[in-house]
Amino acid sequence: MKSMSPIEWLRRLEEDSERGYRMLLADAGCLAVAAHRVAKARCQTWMVATSVPTVREVRAAAREIATRAGLGDSIPATSTLALDCESLGLPVM
């Protein structure tokens, strides 16, 4: 992601959806980190860009990753994702 723009990174992730999301999850090491990466990239594509996603955006990204990576519908609670991000030094609002 560092060598390409957030919109390009998101587009590439979508192009190879199942494989792309599985690779993202493997690279991130856990769902919270992967979800934060996706949420942050989306925030950076807005007209008024930000680099700190909300907890809701991280949860939505976690749900999308779980679904597209074939993990099913079960994802951690919003509060758990927030605590995981916080403990890993990933800022969320």
N, C-alpha and C. Protein backbone atom coordinates (compact mmCIF):
# COMPACT_ATOMS: atom_id res chain seq x y z
N MET A 1 0.82 -1.19 0.00
CA MET A 1 0.00 0.00 0.00
C MET A 1 0.87 1.26 0.00
N LYS A 2 2.04 1.20 0.59
CA LYS A 2 2.87 2.39 0.72
C LYS A 2 3.28 2.97 -0.62
N SER A 3 3.42 2.14 -1.63
CA SER A 3 3.89 2.63 -2.92
C SER A 3 2.75 3.07 -3.85
N MET A 4 1.51 2.90 -3.44
CA MET A 4 0.39 3.32 -4.29
C MET A 4 -0.61 4.14 -3.50
N SER A 5 -1.42 4.87 -4.22
CA SER A 5 -2.42 5.71 -3.55
C SER A 5 -3.49 4.82 -2.90
N PRO A 6 -4.17 5.35 -1.88
CA PRO A 6 -5.22 4.56 -1.22
C PRO A 6 -6.31 4.08 -2.18
N ILE A 7 -6.71 4.93 -3.11
CA ILE A 7 -7.76 4.52 -4.06
C ILE A 7 -7.28 3.39 -4.95
N GLU A 8 -6.02 3.45 -5.37
CA GLU A 8 -5.46 2.38 -6.19
C GLU A 8 -5.35 1.09 -5.38
N TRP A 9 -4.92 1.20 -4.14
CA TRP A 9 -4.80 0.02 -3.28
C TRP A 9 -6.16 -0.63 -3.07
N LEU A 10 -7.18 0.17 -2.80
CA LEU A 10 -8.54 -0.36 -2.61
C LEU A 10 -9.05 -1.01 -3.88
N ARG A 11 -8.77 -0.40 -5.02
CA ARG A 11 -9.19 -0.96 -6.31
C ARG A 11 -8.55 -2.32 -6.54
N ARG A 12 -7.26 -2.42 -6.25
CA ARG A 12 -6.56 -3.71 -6.43
C ARG A 12 -7.08 -4.77 -5.47
N LEU A 13 -7.42 -4.35 -4.27
CA LEU A 13 -7.99 -5.28 -3.30
C LEU A 13 -9.31 -5.84 -3.83
N GLU A 14 -10.11 -4.98 -4.43
CA GLU A 14 -11.40 -5.39 -4.99
C GLU A 14 -11.26 -6.28 -6.23
N GLU A 15 -10.24 -6.04 -7.02
CA GLU A 15 -10.05 -6.79 -8.27
C GLU A 15 -9.94 -8.29 -8.02
N ASP A 16 -9.25 -8.67 -6.99
CA ASP A 16 -9.07 -10.09 -6.66
C ASP A 16 -9.65 -10.32 -5.27
N SER A 17 -10.92 -10.05 -5.16
CA SER A 17 -11.62 -9.95 -3.89
C SER A 17 -11.25 -11.02 -2.86
N GLU A 18 -11.62 -12.27 -3.09
CA GLU A 18 -11.39 -13.30 -2.07
C GLU A 18 -9.91 -13.48 -1.77
N ARG A 19 -9.11 -13.62 -2.81
CA ARG A 19 -7.67 -13.80 -2.63
C ARG A 19 -7.03 -12.55 -2.03
N GLY A 20 -7.45 -11.38 -2.52
CA GLY A 20 -6.91 -10.13 -2.03
C GLY A 20 -7.17 -9.92 -0.55
N TYR A 21 -8.38 -10.20 -0.11
CA TYR A 21 -8.72 -10.03 1.29
C TYR A 21 -8.02 -11.07 2.16
N ARG A 22 -7.86 -12.27 1.66
CA ARG A 22 -7.11 -13.29 2.41
C ARG A 22 -5.65 -12.90 2.55
N MET A 23 -5.06 -12.37 1.49
CA MET A 23 -3.67 -11.93 1.55
C MET A 23 -3.53 -10.75 2.50
N LEU A 24 -4.46 -9.83 2.47
CA LEU A 24 -4.46 -8.70 3.39
C LEU A 24 -4.47 -9.18 4.83
N LEU A 25 -5.36 -10.11 5.12
CA LEU A 25 -5.49 -10.64 6.47
C LEU A 25 -4.21 -11.35 6.91
N ALA A 26 -3.63 -12.13 6.02
CA ALA A 26 -2.38 -12.83 6.34
C ALA A 26 -1.25 -11.84 6.59
N ASP A 27 -1.17 -10.81 5.76
CA ASP A 27 -0.12 -9.81 5.90
C ASP A 27 -0.30 -8.99 7.18
N ALA A 28 -1.54 -8.67 7.51
CA ALA A 28 -1.83 -7.85 8.70
C ALA A 28 -1.62 -8.64 9.99
N GLY A 29 -1.86 -9.93 9.94
CA GLY A 29 -1.67 -10.76 11.13
C GLY A 29 -2.90 -10.91 12.00
N CYS A 30 -3.85 -9.99 11.87
CA CYS A 30 -5.11 -10.11 12.62
C CYS A 30 -6.18 -9.25 11.95
N LEU A 31 -7.42 -9.56 12.28
CA LEU A 31 -8.54 -8.86 11.66
C LEU A 31 -8.56 -7.38 12.01
N ALA A 32 -8.21 -7.02 13.23
CA ALA A 32 -8.24 -5.61 13.63
C ALA A 32 -7.29 -4.77 12.79
N VAL A 33 -6.09 -5.25 12.56
CA VAL A 33 -5.10 -4.51 11.76
C VAL A 33 -5.57 -4.42 10.31
N ALA A 34 -6.04 -5.53 9.76
CA ALA A 34 -6.52 -5.54 8.37
C ALA A 34 -7.69 -4.56 8.21
N ALA A 35 -8.62 -4.59 9.14
CA ALA A 35 -9.79 -3.71 9.08
C ALA A 35 -9.37 -2.25 9.21
N HIS A 36 -8.42 -1.98 10.07
CA HIS A 36 -7.95 -0.60 10.22
C HIS A 36 -7.30 -0.13 8.93
N ARG A 37 -6.54 -0.97 8.27
CA ARG A 37 -5.90 -0.59 7.00
C ARG A 37 -6.94 -0.22 5.95
N VAL A 38 -7.98 -1.05 5.83
CA VAL A 38 -9.03 -0.78 4.84
C VAL A 38 -9.79 0.49 5.21
N ALA A 39 -10.17 0.62 6.46
CA ALA A 39 -10.92 1.81 6.90
C ALA A 39 -10.10 3.08 6.71
N LYS A 40 -8.83 3.02 7.05
CA LYS A 40 -7.95 4.19 6.90
C LYS A 40 -7.80 4.56 5.43
N ALA A 41 -7.62 3.56 4.57
CA ALA A 41 -7.50 3.84 3.13
C ALA A 41 -8.77 4.50 2.60
N ARG A 42 -9.91 4.02 3.04
CA ARG A 42 -11.18 4.63 2.60
C ARG A 42 -11.28 6.07 3.08
N CYS A 43 -10.88 6.32 4.31
CA CYS A 43 -10.91 7.69 4.85
C CYS A 43 -10.04 8.63 4.04
N GLN A 44 -8.95 8.11 3.52
CA GLN A 44 -8.02 8.93 2.77
C GLN A 44 -8.50 9.23 1.35
N THR A 45 -9.59 8.60 0.93
CA THR A 45 -10.12 8.84 -0.42
C THR A 45 -11.28 9.83 -0.42
N TRP A 46 -11.71 10.27 0.75
CA TRP A 46 -12.81 11.22 0.84
C TRP A 46 -12.38 12.60 0.38
N MET A 47 -13.37 13.41 0.04
CA MET A 47 -13.09 14.79 -0.38
C MET A 47 -12.34 15.53 0.73
N VAL A 48 -12.80 15.36 1.96
CA VAL A 48 -12.08 15.90 3.11
C VAL A 48 -11.43 14.69 3.78
N ALA A 49 -10.21 14.42 3.38
CA ALA A 49 -9.52 13.21 3.80
C ALA A 49 -9.08 13.26 5.26
N THR A 50 -9.07 12.10 5.88
CA THR A 50 -8.56 11.94 7.24
C THR A 50 -7.79 10.63 7.29
N SER A 51 -6.92 10.48 8.24
CA SER A 51 -6.17 9.24 8.34
C SER A 51 -6.56 8.44 9.58
N VAL A 52 -7.58 8.91 10.30
CA VAL A 52 -8.04 8.20 11.49
C VAL A 52 -9.49 7.79 11.28
N PRO A 53 -9.73 6.49 11.10
CA PRO A 53 -11.10 6.01 10.90
C PRO A 53 -11.88 5.95 12.22
N THR A 54 -13.18 5.93 12.09
CA THR A 54 -14.03 5.75 13.27
C THR A 54 -14.12 4.25 13.58
N VAL A 55 -14.56 3.95 14.78
CA VAL A 55 -14.73 2.55 15.18
C VAL A 55 -15.76 1.88 14.26
N ARG A 56 -16.79 2.61 13.89
CA ARG A 56 -17.81 2.04 12.99
C ARG A 56 -17.21 1.68 11.63
N GLU A 57 -16.33 2.54 11.14
CA GLU A 57 -15.68 2.26 9.84
C GLU A 57 -14.78 1.03 9.94
N VAL A 58 -14.10 0.90 11.06
CA VAL A 58 -13.24 -0.28 11.26
C VAL A 58 -14.11 -1.53 11.34
N ARG A 59 -15.23 -1.46 12.03
CA ARG A 59 -16.13 -2.63 12.14
C ARG A 59 -16.71 -2.98 10.77
N ALA A 60 -17.10 -1.99 10.00
CA ALA A 60 -17.64 -2.26 8.66
C ALA A 60 -16.57 -2.92 7.79
N ALA A 61 -15.35 -2.46 7.90
CA ALA A 61 -14.25 -3.06 7.14
C ALA A 61 -14.00 -4.49 7.61
N ALA A 62 -14.08 -4.73 8.91
CA ALA A 62 -13.89 -6.08 9.45
C ALA A 62 -14.97 -7.03 8.92
N ARG A 63 -16.19 -6.55 8.87
CA ARG A 63 -17.30 -7.37 8.35
C ARG A 63 -17.05 -7.70 6.87
N GLU A 64 -16.63 -6.71 6.10
CA GLU A 64 -16.36 -6.92 4.69
C GLU A 64 -15.21 -7.92 4.49
N ILE A 65 -14.15 -7.77 5.25
CA ILE A 65 -13.00 -8.68 5.13
C ILE A 65 -13.42 -10.10 5.48
N ALA A 66 -14.14 -10.26 6.58
CA ALA A 66 -14.59 -11.59 7.00
C ALA A 66 -15.45 -12.24 5.94
N THR A 67 -16.36 -11.48 5.36
CA THR A 67 -17.24 -12.02 4.33
C THR A 67 -16.46 -12.38 3.07
N ARG A 68 -15.62 -11.48 2.60
CA ARG A 68 -14.91 -11.70 1.34
C ARG A 68 -13.76 -12.69 1.45
N ALA A 69 -13.23 -12.86 2.65
CA ALA A 69 -12.14 -13.82 2.84
C ALA A 69 -12.69 -15.20 3.19
N GLY A 70 -14.01 -15.31 3.25
CA GLY A 70 -14.64 -16.59 3.52
C GLY A 70 -14.60 -17.01 4.98
N LEU A 71 -14.56 -16.03 5.89
CA LEU A 71 -14.50 -16.34 7.32
C LEU A 71 -15.87 -16.42 7.96
N GLY A 72 -16.90 -16.11 7.21
CA GLY A 72 -18.24 -16.13 7.76
C GLY A 72 -18.66 -14.77 8.27
N ASP A 73 -19.76 -14.75 9.00
CA ASP A 73 -20.34 -13.50 9.48
C ASP A 73 -19.90 -13.10 10.88
N SER A 74 -19.21 -13.97 11.56
CA SER A 74 -18.84 -13.70 12.95
C SER A 74 -17.60 -12.82 13.02
N ILE A 75 -17.78 -11.62 13.57
CA ILE A 75 -16.65 -10.71 13.76
C ILE A 75 -16.69 -10.21 15.20
N PRO A 76 -15.57 -9.73 15.71
CA PRO A 76 -15.57 -9.22 17.08
C PRO A 76 -16.51 -8.03 17.27
N ALA A 77 -16.93 -7.83 18.49
CA ALA A 77 -17.77 -6.69 18.83
C ALA A 77 -17.01 -5.39 18.56
N THR A 78 -17.75 -4.33 18.36
CA THR A 78 -17.14 -3.03 18.09
C THR A 78 -16.16 -2.64 19.20
N SER A 79 -16.54 -2.85 20.43
CA SER A 79 -15.66 -2.49 21.56
C SER A 79 -14.38 -3.32 21.54
N THR A 80 -14.47 -4.58 21.15
CA THR A 80 -13.29 -5.44 21.07
C THR A 80 -12.36 -4.97 19.97
N LEU A 81 -12.92 -4.63 18.82
CA LEU A 81 -12.09 -4.11 17.73
C LEU A 81 -11.40 -2.82 18.14
N ALA A 82 -12.12 -1.95 18.83
CA ALA A 82 -11.55 -0.68 19.29
C ALA A 82 -10.40 -0.93 20.26
N LEU A 83 -10.59 -1.85 21.19
CA LEU A 83 -9.54 -2.17 22.16
C LEU A 83 -8.34 -2.81 21.46
N ASP A 84 -8.60 -3.69 20.50
CA ASP A 84 -7.51 -4.32 19.74
C ASP A 84 -6.70 -3.27 19.00
N CYS A 85 -7.38 -2.36 18.33
CA CYS A 85 -6.68 -1.30 17.60
C CYS A 85 -5.86 -0.44 18.57
N GLU A 86 -6.48 -0.07 19.66
CA GLU A 86 -5.80 0.77 20.65
C GLU A 86 -4.55 0.07 21.19
N SER A 87 -4.67 -1.21 21.51
CA SER A 87 -3.53 -1.94 22.07
C SER A 87 -2.41 -2.12 21.06
N LEU A 88 -2.74 -2.02 19.78
CA LEU A 88 -1.74 -2.14 18.71
C LEU A 88 -1.22 -0.78 18.25
N GLY A 89 -1.69 0.28 18.90
CA GLY A 89 -1.24 1.62 18.54
C GLY A 89 -1.88 2.19 17.29
N LEU A 90 -3.04 1.66 16.92
CA LEU A 90 -3.76 2.13 15.74
C LEU A 90 -4.88 3.07 16.19
N PRO A 91 -4.80 4.33 15.83
CA PRO A 91 -5.80 5.28 16.30
C PRO A 91 -7.17 5.10 15.63
N VAL A 92 -8.21 5.20 16.44
CA VAL A 92 -9.58 5.20 15.94
C VAL A 92 -10.36 6.26 16.71
N MET A 93 -11.39 6.78 16.06
CA MET A 93 -12.25 7.77 16.71
C MET A 93 -13.51 7.09 17.21
